[in-house]
Amino acid sequence: MQYFKNYVILVLISLCTITTTAQKKQAPTKYPSLFWEITGNGLKKPSYLFGTMHVSSKLVFHLSDSFYYALKNVDAVALELNPDIWQGQMVRLAKMQENYARFTKASGEDFLTENSFRINKYEDELKLAMSTEPTVVNSLLYRSYKAKEDFEEDTFLDLYIFQTGKKLGKRATGVEDYYETEKIVMEAYTDMAKEKEKNN
């Protein structure tokens, strides 16, 4: 029996040693954090970089105290795009696209008729507009989908950072320009279409 006990203790010590050695031999990960402090190169104050995504899962909202401390001490919060001016830019771009479509449309259907001067009732359209939840605003700023409300927050992580910064009185800005981003997206779609056409 004593022999068996000694054997078990020896096996346990061996396992602990192997586990400890295996842990020591693991190569350190290249990017061990999502949250970075940027200092040096003559910076008077540190900047912070947080690797985030446009997601709303409750799992990603477990933010550390150091994250909130950094947010409290910065002068400005910069997202990919500035939500303060995002929606207005979207509307202007949509109007520009609509104007361009009208300008390039083949003529022949734009004659003046009796209906051109008729004043239509707008009450029904107004009721519809007042009772509709704007899907664009919901998809950009909030996440209020009933089926997922137990697993998701009411906003996206990046917009939560923006909202928290606003509550702390921080200036908001964007790293990219909305129009430039849309232009790059359209160019990517054009290239993708050309590639698809080439492969067919």
N, C-alpha and C. Protein backbone atom coordinates (compact mmCIF):
# COMPACT_ATOMS: atom_id res chain seq x y z
N MET A 1 0.83 -1.20 0.00
CA MET A 1 0.00 0.00 0.00
C MET A 1 0.87 1.26 0.00
N GLN A 2 1.93 1.23 0.83
CA GLN A 2 2.85 2.37 0.91
C GLN A 2 3.52 2.61 -0.45
N TYR A 3 3.87 1.52 -1.12
CA TYR A 3 4.47 1.61 -2.46
C TYR A 3 3.52 2.32 -3.42
N PHE A 4 2.24 1.97 -3.36
CA PHE A 4 1.22 2.56 -4.24
C PHE A 4 1.10 4.07 -3.98
N LYS A 5 1.10 4.47 -2.68
CA LYS A 5 1.00 5.90 -2.32
C LYS A 5 2.20 6.67 -2.87
N ASN A 6 3.38 6.09 -2.69
CA ASN A 6 4.59 6.74 -3.20
C ASN A 6 4.53 6.88 -4.73
N TYR A 7 4.00 5.86 -5.37
CA TYR A 7 3.88 5.87 -6.84
C TYR A 7 2.94 6.98 -7.29
N VAL A 8 1.78 7.11 -6.61
CA VAL A 8 0.79 8.15 -6.94
C VAL A 8 1.40 9.54 -6.75
N ILE A 9 2.13 9.72 -5.62
CA ILE A 9 2.76 11.02 -5.36
C ILE A 9 3.79 11.33 -6.43
N LEU A 10 4.57 10.34 -6.83
CA LEU A 10 5.58 10.52 -7.86
C LEU A 10 4.93 10.92 -9.20
N VAL A 11 3.83 10.25 -9.55
CA VAL A 11 3.11 10.57 -10.79
C VAL A 11 2.59 12.00 -10.75
N LEU A 12 2.00 12.40 -9.62
CA LEU A 12 1.46 13.77 -9.49
C LEU A 12 2.56 14.82 -9.61
N ILE A 13 3.70 14.57 -8.97
CA ILE A 13 4.83 15.51 -9.07
C ILE A 13 5.31 15.60 -10.52
N SER A 14 5.38 14.45 -11.19
CA SER A 14 5.80 14.43 -12.61
C SER A 14 4.84 15.23 -13.47
N LEU A 15 3.54 15.04 -13.23
CA LEU A 15 2.53 15.77 -14.01
C LEU A 15 2.63 17.27 -13.79
N CYS A 16 2.82 17.68 -12.52
CA CYS A 16 2.98 19.11 -12.20
C CYS A 16 4.19 19.68 -12.90
N THR A 17 5.31 18.92 -12.88
CA THR A 17 6.55 19.37 -13.51
C THR A 17 6.36 19.50 -15.02
N ILE A 18 5.71 18.49 -15.63
CA ILE A 18 5.46 18.52 -17.08
C ILE A 18 4.57 19.70 -17.44
N THR A 19 3.50 19.92 -16.65
CA THR A 19 2.57 21.02 -16.91
C THR A 19 3.28 22.36 -16.80
N THR A 20 4.09 22.52 -15.74
CA THR A 20 4.82 23.76 -15.54
C THR A 20 5.80 24.00 -16.68
N THR A 21 6.51 22.97 -17.08
CA THR A 21 7.47 23.08 -18.18
C THR A 21 6.75 23.42 -19.48
N ALA A 22 5.60 22.78 -19.73
CA ALA A 22 4.84 23.03 -20.96
C ALA A 22 4.35 24.48 -20.98
N GLN A 23 3.94 24.98 -19.82
CA GLN A 23 3.47 26.36 -19.76
C GLN A 23 4.60 27.33 -20.02
N LYS A 24 5.79 27.02 -19.51
CA LYS A 24 6.94 27.90 -19.71
C LYS A 24 7.38 27.91 -21.17
N LYS A 25 7.23 26.80 -21.87
CA LYS A 25 7.71 26.69 -23.24
C LYS A 25 6.77 27.32 -24.26
N GLN A 26 5.53 27.68 -23.85
CA GLN A 26 4.61 28.28 -24.80
C GLN A 26 5.14 29.63 -25.27
N ALA A 27 5.11 29.83 -26.57
CA ALA A 27 5.58 31.11 -27.11
C ALA A 27 4.57 32.20 -26.76
N PRO A 28 5.05 33.37 -26.40
CA PRO A 28 4.12 34.45 -26.09
C PRO A 28 3.35 34.86 -27.34
N THR A 29 2.09 35.20 -27.17
CA THR A 29 1.29 35.62 -28.33
C THR A 29 1.80 36.96 -28.83
N LYS A 30 1.67 37.17 -30.12
CA LYS A 30 2.20 38.37 -30.74
C LYS A 30 1.46 39.62 -30.25
N TYR A 31 0.14 39.54 -30.15
CA TYR A 31 -0.67 40.66 -29.68
C TYR A 31 -1.49 40.18 -28.48
N PRO A 32 -0.94 40.28 -27.28
CA PRO A 32 -1.62 39.69 -26.11
C PRO A 32 -2.78 40.51 -25.58
N SER A 33 -3.08 41.64 -26.20
CA SER A 33 -4.13 42.50 -25.65
C SER A 33 -4.93 43.18 -26.74
N LEU A 34 -6.17 43.56 -26.41
CA LEU A 34 -6.99 44.38 -27.31
C LEU A 34 -6.86 45.86 -26.97
N PHE A 35 -6.28 46.14 -25.80
CA PHE A 35 -6.23 47.49 -25.27
C PHE A 35 -4.77 47.92 -25.13
N TRP A 36 -4.39 48.98 -25.82
CA TRP A 36 -2.99 49.41 -25.87
C TRP A 36 -2.85 50.86 -25.42
N GLU A 37 -1.76 51.12 -24.70
CA GLU A 37 -1.39 52.49 -24.34
C GLU A 37 -0.26 52.92 -25.26
N ILE A 38 -0.39 54.09 -25.88
CA ILE A 38 0.61 54.58 -26.82
C ILE A 38 1.34 55.76 -26.18
N THR A 39 2.66 55.62 -25.98
CA THR A 39 3.47 56.68 -25.38
C THR A 39 4.76 56.84 -26.18
N GLY A 40 5.56 57.84 -25.81
CA GLY A 40 6.85 58.03 -26.47
C GLY A 40 6.77 58.98 -27.65
N ASN A 41 7.87 59.11 -28.36
CA ASN A 41 7.98 59.99 -29.53
C ASN A 41 7.52 61.42 -29.24
N GLY A 42 7.81 61.90 -28.05
CA GLY A 42 7.47 63.28 -27.70
C GLY A 42 6.01 63.52 -27.33
N LEU A 43 5.23 62.47 -27.18
CA LEU A 43 3.83 62.65 -26.78
C LEU A 43 3.78 63.14 -25.33
N LYS A 44 3.04 64.21 -25.09
CA LYS A 44 2.93 64.75 -23.74
C LYS A 44 1.95 63.93 -22.90
N LYS A 45 0.93 63.39 -23.56
CA LYS A 45 -0.06 62.56 -22.88
C LYS A 45 -0.18 61.24 -23.63
N PRO A 46 -0.49 60.16 -22.95
CA PRO A 46 -0.66 58.90 -23.67
C PRO A 46 -1.96 58.87 -24.48
N SER A 47 -1.95 58.11 -25.54
CA SER A 47 -3.16 57.80 -26.30
C SER A 47 -3.47 56.34 -26.07
N TYR A 48 -4.69 55.95 -26.36
CA TYR A 48 -5.09 54.56 -26.15
C TYR A 48 -5.74 54.03 -27.41
N LEU A 49 -5.43 52.79 -27.72
CA LEU A 49 -6.01 52.12 -28.88
C LEU A 49 -6.74 50.88 -28.38
N PHE A 50 -8.02 50.79 -28.73
CA PHE A 50 -8.80 49.64 -28.30
C PHE A 50 -9.29 48.91 -29.54
N GLY A 51 -8.93 47.65 -29.67
CA GLY A 51 -9.35 46.85 -30.82
C GLY A 51 -10.79 46.42 -30.64
N THR A 52 -11.70 47.06 -31.36
CA THR A 52 -13.12 46.78 -31.18
C THR A 52 -13.76 46.43 -32.51
N MET A 53 -15.01 45.99 -32.43
CA MET A 53 -15.76 45.64 -33.63
C MET A 53 -17.18 46.17 -33.49
N HIS A 54 -17.88 46.19 -34.59
CA HIS A 54 -19.28 46.65 -34.60
C HIS A 54 -20.17 45.47 -34.22
N VAL A 55 -20.03 45.01 -32.98
CA VAL A 55 -20.80 43.86 -32.49
C VAL A 55 -21.54 44.24 -31.21
N SER A 56 -22.56 43.47 -30.87
CA SER A 56 -23.36 43.82 -29.69
C SER A 56 -23.53 42.67 -28.71
N SER A 57 -22.79 41.58 -28.89
CA SER A 57 -22.88 40.45 -27.98
C SER A 57 -22.50 40.88 -26.57
N LYS A 58 -23.27 40.42 -25.58
CA LYS A 58 -23.00 40.78 -24.19
C LYS A 58 -21.60 40.34 -23.76
N LEU A 59 -21.07 39.30 -24.38
CA LEU A 59 -19.75 38.78 -24.01
C LEU A 59 -18.65 39.82 -24.19
N VAL A 60 -18.78 40.71 -25.18
CA VAL A 60 -17.71 41.67 -25.46
C VAL A 60 -17.82 42.93 -24.60
N PHE A 61 -18.86 43.04 -23.80
CA PHE A 61 -19.06 44.24 -22.99
C PHE A 61 -18.43 44.13 -21.60
N HIS A 62 -17.62 43.10 -21.36
CA HIS A 62 -16.91 42.98 -20.09
C HIS A 62 -15.61 43.79 -20.20
N LEU A 63 -15.72 45.08 -19.92
CA LEU A 63 -14.59 45.98 -20.09
C LEU A 63 -13.92 46.22 -18.73
N SER A 64 -12.60 46.31 -18.75
CA SER A 64 -11.84 46.42 -17.50
C SER A 64 -11.88 47.84 -16.94
N ASP A 65 -11.47 47.97 -15.68
CA ASP A 65 -11.38 49.29 -15.05
C ASP A 65 -10.38 50.17 -15.77
N SER A 66 -9.29 49.57 -16.27
CA SER A 66 -8.28 50.36 -16.98
C SER A 66 -8.85 50.98 -18.25
N PHE A 67 -9.81 50.30 -18.88
CA PHE A 67 -10.46 50.86 -20.06
C PHE A 67 -11.22 52.13 -19.70
N TYR A 68 -12.02 52.08 -18.63
CA TYR A 68 -12.79 53.25 -18.21
C TYR A 68 -11.89 54.36 -17.69
N TYR A 69 -10.80 54.00 -17.03
CA TYR A 69 -9.84 54.99 -16.55
C TYR A 69 -9.25 55.75 -17.74
N ALA A 70 -8.86 55.01 -18.78
CA ALA A 70 -8.29 55.64 -19.97
C ALA A 70 -9.32 56.54 -20.64
N LEU A 71 -10.55 56.07 -20.76
CA LEU A 71 -11.61 56.85 -21.41
C LEU A 71 -11.87 58.15 -20.64
N LYS A 72 -11.79 58.08 -19.33
CA LYS A 72 -12.01 59.25 -18.49
C LYS A 72 -10.90 60.29 -18.68
N ASN A 73 -9.69 59.83 -19.01
CA ASN A 73 -8.54 60.73 -19.06
C ASN A 73 -8.15 61.20 -20.46
N VAL A 74 -8.86 60.78 -21.50
CA VAL A 74 -8.53 61.25 -22.85
C VAL A 74 -9.25 62.56 -23.16
N ASP A 75 -8.77 63.26 -24.20
CA ASP A 75 -9.41 64.51 -24.63
C ASP A 75 -10.50 64.25 -25.66
N ALA A 76 -10.32 63.20 -26.47
CA ALA A 76 -11.28 62.92 -27.54
C ALA A 76 -11.39 61.42 -27.76
N VAL A 77 -12.54 61.00 -28.28
CA VAL A 77 -12.79 59.60 -28.63
C VAL A 77 -12.97 59.52 -30.14
N ALA A 78 -12.15 58.72 -30.80
CA ALA A 78 -12.22 58.59 -32.26
C ALA A 78 -12.64 57.18 -32.63
N LEU A 79 -13.75 57.08 -33.35
CA LEU A 79 -14.19 55.80 -33.90
C LEU A 79 -13.79 55.75 -35.37
N GLU A 80 -14.17 54.67 -36.04
CA GLU A 80 -13.89 54.57 -37.48
C GLU A 80 -14.53 55.76 -38.20
N LEU A 81 -15.80 56.03 -37.90
CA LEU A 81 -16.52 57.18 -38.43
C LEU A 81 -17.13 57.94 -37.25
N ASN A 82 -17.35 59.22 -37.41
CA ASN A 82 -17.91 60.04 -36.35
C ASN A 82 -19.44 59.93 -36.35
N PRO A 83 -20.04 59.30 -35.35
CA PRO A 83 -21.50 59.16 -35.32
C PRO A 83 -22.26 60.48 -35.24
N ASP A 84 -21.60 61.56 -34.79
CA ASP A 84 -22.26 62.86 -34.72
C ASP A 84 -22.68 63.36 -36.10
N ILE A 85 -21.88 63.03 -37.12
CA ILE A 85 -22.19 63.54 -38.46
C ILE A 85 -22.52 62.43 -39.46
N TRP A 86 -22.48 61.20 -38.99
CA TRP A 86 -22.68 60.01 -39.82
C TRP A 86 -24.01 60.04 -40.56
N GLN A 87 -25.10 60.23 -39.81
CA GLN A 87 -26.42 60.13 -40.41
C GLN A 87 -26.67 61.22 -41.45
N GLY A 88 -26.24 62.44 -41.13
CA GLY A 88 -26.39 63.54 -42.10
C GLY A 88 -25.64 63.27 -43.39
N GLN A 89 -24.44 62.70 -43.26
CA GLN A 89 -23.65 62.38 -44.45
C GLN A 89 -24.33 61.28 -45.28
N MET A 90 -24.93 60.32 -44.59
CA MET A 90 -25.65 59.25 -45.31
C MET A 90 -26.80 59.81 -46.13
N VAL A 91 -27.56 60.73 -45.52
CA VAL A 91 -28.71 61.33 -46.21
C VAL A 91 -28.23 62.14 -47.41
N ARG A 92 -27.16 62.95 -47.22
CA ARG A 92 -26.64 63.75 -48.34
C ARG A 92 -26.14 62.86 -49.47
N LEU A 93 -25.46 61.77 -49.14
CA LEU A 93 -24.96 60.86 -50.17
C LEU A 93 -26.12 60.21 -50.91
N ALA A 94 -27.16 59.82 -50.18
CA ALA A 94 -28.34 59.21 -50.82
C ALA A 94 -29.00 60.20 -51.78
N LYS A 95 -29.08 61.49 -51.38
CA LYS A 95 -29.67 62.52 -52.26
C LYS A 95 -28.80 62.74 -53.50
N MET A 96 -27.47 62.74 -53.30
CA MET A 96 -26.57 62.90 -54.45
C MET A 96 -26.74 61.74 -55.43
N GLN A 97 -26.86 60.52 -54.90
CA GLN A 97 -27.05 59.36 -55.77
C GLN A 97 -28.38 59.43 -56.51
N GLU A 98 -29.41 59.90 -55.79
CA GLU A 98 -30.73 60.05 -56.42
C GLU A 98 -30.69 61.10 -57.52
N ASN A 99 -30.03 62.24 -57.26
CA ASN A 99 -29.91 63.29 -58.27
C ASN A 99 -29.12 62.81 -59.49
N TYR A 100 -28.07 62.04 -59.23
CA TYR A 100 -27.26 61.50 -60.33
C TYR A 100 -28.10 60.53 -61.17
N ALA A 101 -28.89 59.70 -60.49
CA ALA A 101 -29.75 58.74 -61.21
C ALA A 101 -30.76 59.48 -62.08
N ARG A 102 -31.33 60.57 -61.56
CA ARG A 102 -32.29 61.37 -62.36
C ARG A 102 -31.61 62.03 -63.54
N PHE A 103 -30.38 62.52 -63.29
CA PHE A 103 -29.64 63.22 -64.34
C PHE A 103 -29.28 62.28 -65.49
N THR A 104 -28.94 61.04 -65.15
CA THR A 104 -28.50 60.08 -66.17
C THR A 104 -29.65 59.27 -66.77
N LYS A 105 -30.86 59.43 -66.19
CA LYS A 105 -32.01 58.65 -66.68
C LYS A 105 -32.40 59.12 -68.09
N ALA A 106 -32.76 58.17 -68.91
CA ALA A 106 -33.19 58.52 -70.28
C ALA A 106 -34.46 59.36 -70.22
N SER A 107 -34.48 60.42 -71.03
CA SER A 107 -35.66 61.30 -71.02
C SER A 107 -36.82 60.63 -71.75
N GLY A 108 -37.99 61.21 -71.59
CA GLY A 108 -39.17 60.67 -72.27
C GLY A 108 -40.30 60.38 -71.31
N GLU A 109 -40.01 60.32 -70.03
CA GLU A 109 -41.06 60.03 -69.05
C GLU A 109 -41.30 61.20 -68.10
N ASP A 110 -40.73 62.35 -68.39
CA ASP A 110 -40.82 63.46 -67.45
C ASP A 110 -41.64 64.63 -67.99
N PHE A 111 -42.69 64.33 -68.76
CA PHE A 111 -43.55 65.38 -69.29
C PHE A 111 -44.48 65.90 -68.21
N LEU A 112 -44.85 67.16 -68.32
CA LEU A 112 -45.84 67.72 -67.40
C LEU A 112 -47.22 67.20 -67.78
N THR A 113 -47.97 66.77 -66.80
CA THR A 113 -49.33 66.30 -67.02
C THR A 113 -50.25 66.99 -66.02
N GLU A 114 -51.52 66.67 -66.10
CA GLU A 114 -52.49 67.23 -65.15
C GLU A 114 -52.14 66.84 -63.71
N ASN A 115 -51.62 65.62 -63.52
CA ASN A 115 -51.26 65.15 -62.18
C ASN A 115 -50.05 65.87 -61.59
N SER A 116 -49.24 66.50 -62.44
CA SER A 116 -48.07 67.20 -61.94
C SER A 116 -48.45 68.34 -61.00
N PHE A 117 -49.65 68.90 -61.18
CA PHE A 117 -50.08 70.06 -60.37
C PHE A 117 -51.09 69.67 -59.30
N ARG A 118 -51.39 68.39 -59.19
CA ARG A 118 -52.37 67.94 -58.21
C ARG A 118 -51.72 67.83 -56.83
N ILE A 119 -52.41 68.35 -55.81
CA ILE A 119 -51.91 68.25 -54.44
C ILE A 119 -52.46 66.97 -53.84
N ASN A 120 -51.60 66.08 -53.49
CA ASN A 120 -52.02 64.80 -52.94
C ASN A 120 -52.19 64.90 -51.42
N LYS A 121 -53.04 64.03 -50.89
CA LYS A 121 -53.19 63.96 -49.43
C LYS A 121 -51.93 63.34 -48.85
N TYR A 122 -51.46 63.95 -47.79
CA TYR A 122 -50.22 63.44 -47.20
C TYR A 122 -50.45 62.84 -45.81
N GLU A 123 -51.69 62.85 -45.31
CA GLU A 123 -51.95 62.35 -43.95
C GLU A 123 -51.55 60.89 -43.79
N ASP A 124 -51.92 60.06 -44.78
CA ASP A 124 -51.60 58.64 -44.68
C ASP A 124 -50.09 58.39 -44.69
N GLU A 125 -49.38 59.13 -45.54
CA GLU A 125 -47.93 58.98 -45.60
C GLU A 125 -47.29 59.45 -44.30
N LEU A 126 -47.86 60.53 -43.71
CA LEU A 126 -47.35 61.05 -42.44
C LEU A 126 -47.56 60.05 -41.31
N LYS A 127 -48.76 59.44 -41.27
CA LYS A 127 -49.05 58.41 -40.26
C LYS A 127 -48.08 57.24 -40.38
N LEU A 128 -47.83 56.82 -41.62
CA LEU A 128 -46.92 55.72 -41.87
C LEU A 128 -45.50 56.06 -41.39
N ALA A 129 -45.07 57.28 -41.70
CA ALA A 129 -43.73 57.72 -41.30
C ALA A 129 -43.59 57.79 -39.79
N MET A 130 -44.65 58.25 -39.11
CA MET A 130 -44.60 58.39 -37.65
C MET A 130 -44.66 57.05 -36.92
N SER A 131 -45.23 56.04 -37.56
CA SER A 131 -45.38 54.74 -36.89
C SER A 131 -44.30 53.73 -37.29
N THR A 132 -43.37 54.14 -38.15
CA THR A 132 -42.33 53.23 -38.62
C THR A 132 -41.04 53.47 -37.87
N GLU A 133 -40.41 52.38 -37.45
CA GLU A 133 -39.08 52.49 -36.82
C GLU A 133 -38.05 52.53 -37.93
N PRO A 134 -37.25 53.60 -37.99
CA PRO A 134 -36.27 53.69 -39.09
C PRO A 134 -35.22 52.59 -38.98
N THR A 135 -35.21 51.70 -39.94
CA THR A 135 -34.31 50.54 -39.88
C THR A 135 -32.85 50.93 -39.99
N VAL A 136 -32.57 52.00 -40.72
CA VAL A 136 -31.17 52.43 -40.86
C VAL A 136 -30.62 52.88 -39.52
N VAL A 137 -31.40 53.68 -38.80
CA VAL A 137 -30.96 54.16 -37.48
C VAL A 137 -30.80 52.98 -36.53
N ASN A 138 -31.77 52.07 -36.56
CA ASN A 138 -31.70 50.89 -35.69
C ASN A 138 -30.46 50.05 -35.99
N SER A 139 -30.18 49.86 -37.27
CA SER A 139 -29.04 49.00 -37.63
C SER A 139 -27.70 49.68 -37.37
N LEU A 140 -27.66 51.01 -37.39
CA LEU A 140 -26.40 51.71 -37.15
C LEU A 140 -26.13 51.98 -35.67
N LEU A 141 -27.16 52.41 -34.95
CA LEU A 141 -26.95 52.88 -33.58
C LEU A 141 -27.40 51.91 -32.50
N TYR A 142 -28.44 51.15 -32.77
CA TYR A 142 -29.01 50.32 -31.70
C TYR A 142 -29.13 48.87 -32.16
N ARG A 143 -29.41 48.00 -31.20
CA ARG A 143 -29.70 46.61 -31.52
C ARG A 143 -30.91 46.21 -30.70
N SER A 144 -32.09 46.41 -31.22
CA SER A 144 -33.30 46.09 -30.46
C SER A 144 -34.07 44.98 -31.15
N TYR A 145 -33.41 43.84 -31.35
CA TYR A 145 -34.06 42.70 -31.96
C TYR A 145 -34.58 41.78 -30.85
N LYS A 146 -35.88 41.59 -30.80
CA LYS A 146 -36.52 40.83 -29.71
C LYS A 146 -35.94 39.43 -29.56
N ALA A 147 -35.67 38.77 -30.67
CA ALA A 147 -35.20 37.38 -30.62
C ALA A 147 -33.85 37.24 -29.92
N LYS A 148 -33.04 38.32 -29.92
CA LYS A 148 -31.69 38.22 -29.37
C LYS A 148 -31.47 39.10 -28.15
N GLU A 149 -32.53 39.67 -27.59
CA GLU A 149 -32.32 40.66 -26.54
C GLU A 149 -31.69 40.09 -25.27
N ASP A 150 -31.80 38.79 -25.03
CA ASP A 150 -31.16 38.19 -23.85
C ASP A 150 -29.65 38.04 -24.02
N PHE A 151 -29.18 38.08 -25.26
CA PHE A 151 -27.78 37.82 -25.53
C PHE A 151 -27.03 39.05 -26.06
N GLU A 152 -27.76 40.11 -26.35
CA GLU A 152 -27.13 41.29 -26.93
C GLU A 152 -27.50 42.54 -26.15
N GLU A 153 -26.57 43.50 -26.16
CA GLU A 153 -26.85 44.81 -25.58
C GLU A 153 -27.70 45.61 -26.57
N ASP A 154 -28.18 46.76 -26.13
CA ASP A 154 -29.02 47.59 -26.99
C ASP A 154 -28.23 48.44 -27.97
N THR A 155 -26.93 48.34 -27.93
CA THR A 155 -26.10 49.10 -28.86
C THR A 155 -24.87 48.28 -29.22
N PHE A 156 -24.08 48.78 -30.15
CA PHE A 156 -22.85 48.12 -30.55
C PHE A 156 -21.72 48.56 -29.64
N LEU A 157 -20.67 47.77 -29.55
CA LEU A 157 -19.56 48.07 -28.65
C LEU A 157 -18.89 49.39 -29.00
N ASP A 158 -18.63 49.63 -30.28
CA ASP A 158 -17.97 50.88 -30.65
C ASP A 158 -18.86 52.09 -30.33
N LEU A 159 -20.17 51.93 -30.52
CA LEU A 159 -21.07 53.05 -30.22
C LEU A 159 -21.27 53.22 -28.71
N TYR A 160 -21.12 52.15 -27.96
CA TYR A 160 -21.14 52.25 -26.50
C TYR A 160 -19.96 53.10 -26.03
N ILE A 161 -18.80 52.88 -26.66
CA ILE A 161 -17.61 53.67 -26.33
C ILE A 161 -17.87 55.14 -26.65
N PHE A 162 -18.47 55.39 -27.81
CA PHE A 162 -18.82 56.77 -28.21
C PHE A 162 -19.79 57.40 -27.21
N GLN A 163 -20.84 56.64 -26.83
CA GLN A 163 -21.84 57.17 -25.89
C GLN A 163 -21.22 57.44 -24.52
N THR A 164 -20.36 56.53 -24.06
CA THR A 164 -19.71 56.71 -22.76
C THR A 164 -18.80 57.94 -22.80
N GLY A 165 -18.06 58.10 -23.89
CA GLY A 165 -17.21 59.27 -24.06
C GLY A 165 -18.02 60.55 -24.03
N LYS A 166 -19.18 60.54 -24.69
CA LYS A 166 -20.06 61.72 -24.70
C LYS A 166 -20.54 62.06 -23.29
N LYS A 167 -20.92 61.02 -22.52
CA LYS A 167 -21.38 61.25 -21.14
C LYS A 167 -20.26 61.86 -20.29
N LEU A 168 -19.02 61.52 -20.63
CA LEU A 168 -17.88 62.06 -19.89
C LEU A 168 -17.41 63.40 -20.45
N GLY A 169 -18.15 63.93 -21.44
CA GLY A 169 -17.83 65.24 -22.02
C GLY A 169 -16.67 65.23 -22.99
N LYS A 170 -16.37 64.08 -23.60
CA LYS A 170 -15.25 63.98 -24.53
C LYS A 170 -15.68 64.36 -25.95
N ARG A 171 -14.76 64.99 -26.67
CA ARG A 171 -15.00 65.34 -28.06
C ARG A 171 -14.99 64.06 -28.90
N ALA A 172 -15.91 63.96 -29.85
CA ALA A 172 -15.97 62.78 -30.72
C ALA A 172 -15.46 63.13 -32.10
N THR A 173 -14.79 62.18 -32.71
CA THR A 173 -14.30 62.37 -34.07
C THR A 173 -14.21 61.02 -34.76
N GLY A 174 -13.89 61.05 -36.04
CA GLY A 174 -13.75 59.81 -36.81
C GLY A 174 -12.37 59.71 -37.44
N VAL A 175 -11.88 58.51 -37.57
CA VAL A 175 -10.57 58.29 -38.20
C VAL A 175 -10.72 58.38 -39.72
N GLU A 176 -11.88 57.96 -40.23
CA GLU A 176 -12.11 57.97 -41.67
C GLU A 176 -13.25 58.91 -42.04
N ASP A 177 -13.33 59.23 -43.32
CA ASP A 177 -14.38 60.09 -43.86
C ASP A 177 -15.45 59.19 -44.49
N TYR A 178 -16.72 59.47 -44.22
CA TYR A 178 -17.81 58.62 -44.70
C TYR A 178 -17.82 58.50 -46.23
N TYR A 179 -17.67 59.66 -46.91
CA TYR A 179 -17.73 59.65 -48.38
C TYR A 179 -16.57 58.84 -48.96
N GLU A 180 -15.39 59.01 -48.37
CA GLU A 180 -14.22 58.26 -48.84
C GLU A 180 -14.43 56.76 -48.62
N THR A 181 -15.01 56.40 -47.47
CA THR A 181 -15.28 54.99 -47.16
C THR A 181 -16.26 54.40 -48.18
N GLU A 182 -17.34 55.15 -48.47
CA GLU A 182 -18.33 54.69 -49.46
C GLU A 182 -17.70 54.53 -50.84
N LYS A 183 -16.81 55.45 -51.19
CA LYS A 183 -16.13 55.38 -52.48
C LYS A 183 -15.30 54.10 -52.57
N ILE A 184 -14.57 53.79 -51.50
CA ILE A 184 -13.74 52.58 -51.48
C ILE A 184 -14.61 51.33 -51.58
N VAL A 185 -15.75 51.34 -50.88
CA VAL A 185 -16.68 50.19 -50.92
C VAL A 185 -17.21 50.00 -52.34
N MET A 186 -17.59 51.10 -53.00
CA MET A 186 -18.12 51.01 -54.38
C MET A 186 -17.03 50.51 -55.34
N GLU A 187 -15.81 50.98 -55.14
CA GLU A 187 -14.70 50.51 -55.99
C GLU A 187 -14.47 49.01 -55.79
N ALA A 188 -14.60 48.57 -54.54
CA ALA A 188 -14.43 47.13 -54.25
C ALA A 188 -15.53 46.31 -54.93
N TYR A 189 -16.78 46.81 -54.88
CA TYR A 189 -17.88 46.12 -55.55
C TYR A 189 -17.66 46.07 -57.06
N THR A 190 -17.17 47.18 -57.63
CA THR A 190 -16.90 47.24 -59.07
C THR A 190 -15.83 46.22 -59.46
N ASP A 191 -14.75 46.18 -58.68
CA ASP A 191 -13.67 45.22 -58.95
C ASP A 191 -14.17 43.78 -58.83
N MET A 192 -15.03 43.55 -57.82
CA MET A 192 -15.57 42.21 -57.60
C MET A 192 -16.45 41.79 -58.80
N ALA A 193 -17.26 42.74 -59.30
CA ALA A 193 -18.12 42.45 -60.44
C ALA A 193 -17.30 42.16 -61.69
N LYS A 194 -16.21 42.93 -61.88
CA LYS A 194 -15.34 42.72 -63.04
C LYS A 194 -14.68 41.34 -62.97
N GLU A 195 -14.23 40.99 -61.76
CA GLU A 195 -13.59 39.70 -61.55
C GLU A 195 -14.56 38.54 -61.81
N LYS A 196 -15.80 38.73 -61.36
CA LYS A 196 -16.83 37.70 -61.57
C LYS A 196 -17.14 37.54 -63.06
N GLU A 197 -17.21 38.69 -63.76
CA GLU A 197 -17.49 38.67 -65.20
C GLU A 197 -16.35 37.99 -65.96
N LYS A 198 -15.11 38.25 -65.52
CA LYS A 198 -13.92 37.67 -66.16
C LYS A 198 -13.92 36.14 -65.99
N ASN A 199 -14.36 35.67 -64.82
CA ASN A 199 -14.35 34.23 -64.53
C ASN A 199 -15.50 33.48 -65.20
N ASN A 200 -16.53 34.17 -65.64
CA ASN A 200 -17.69 33.51 -66.29
C ASN A 200 -17.44 33.25 -67.75
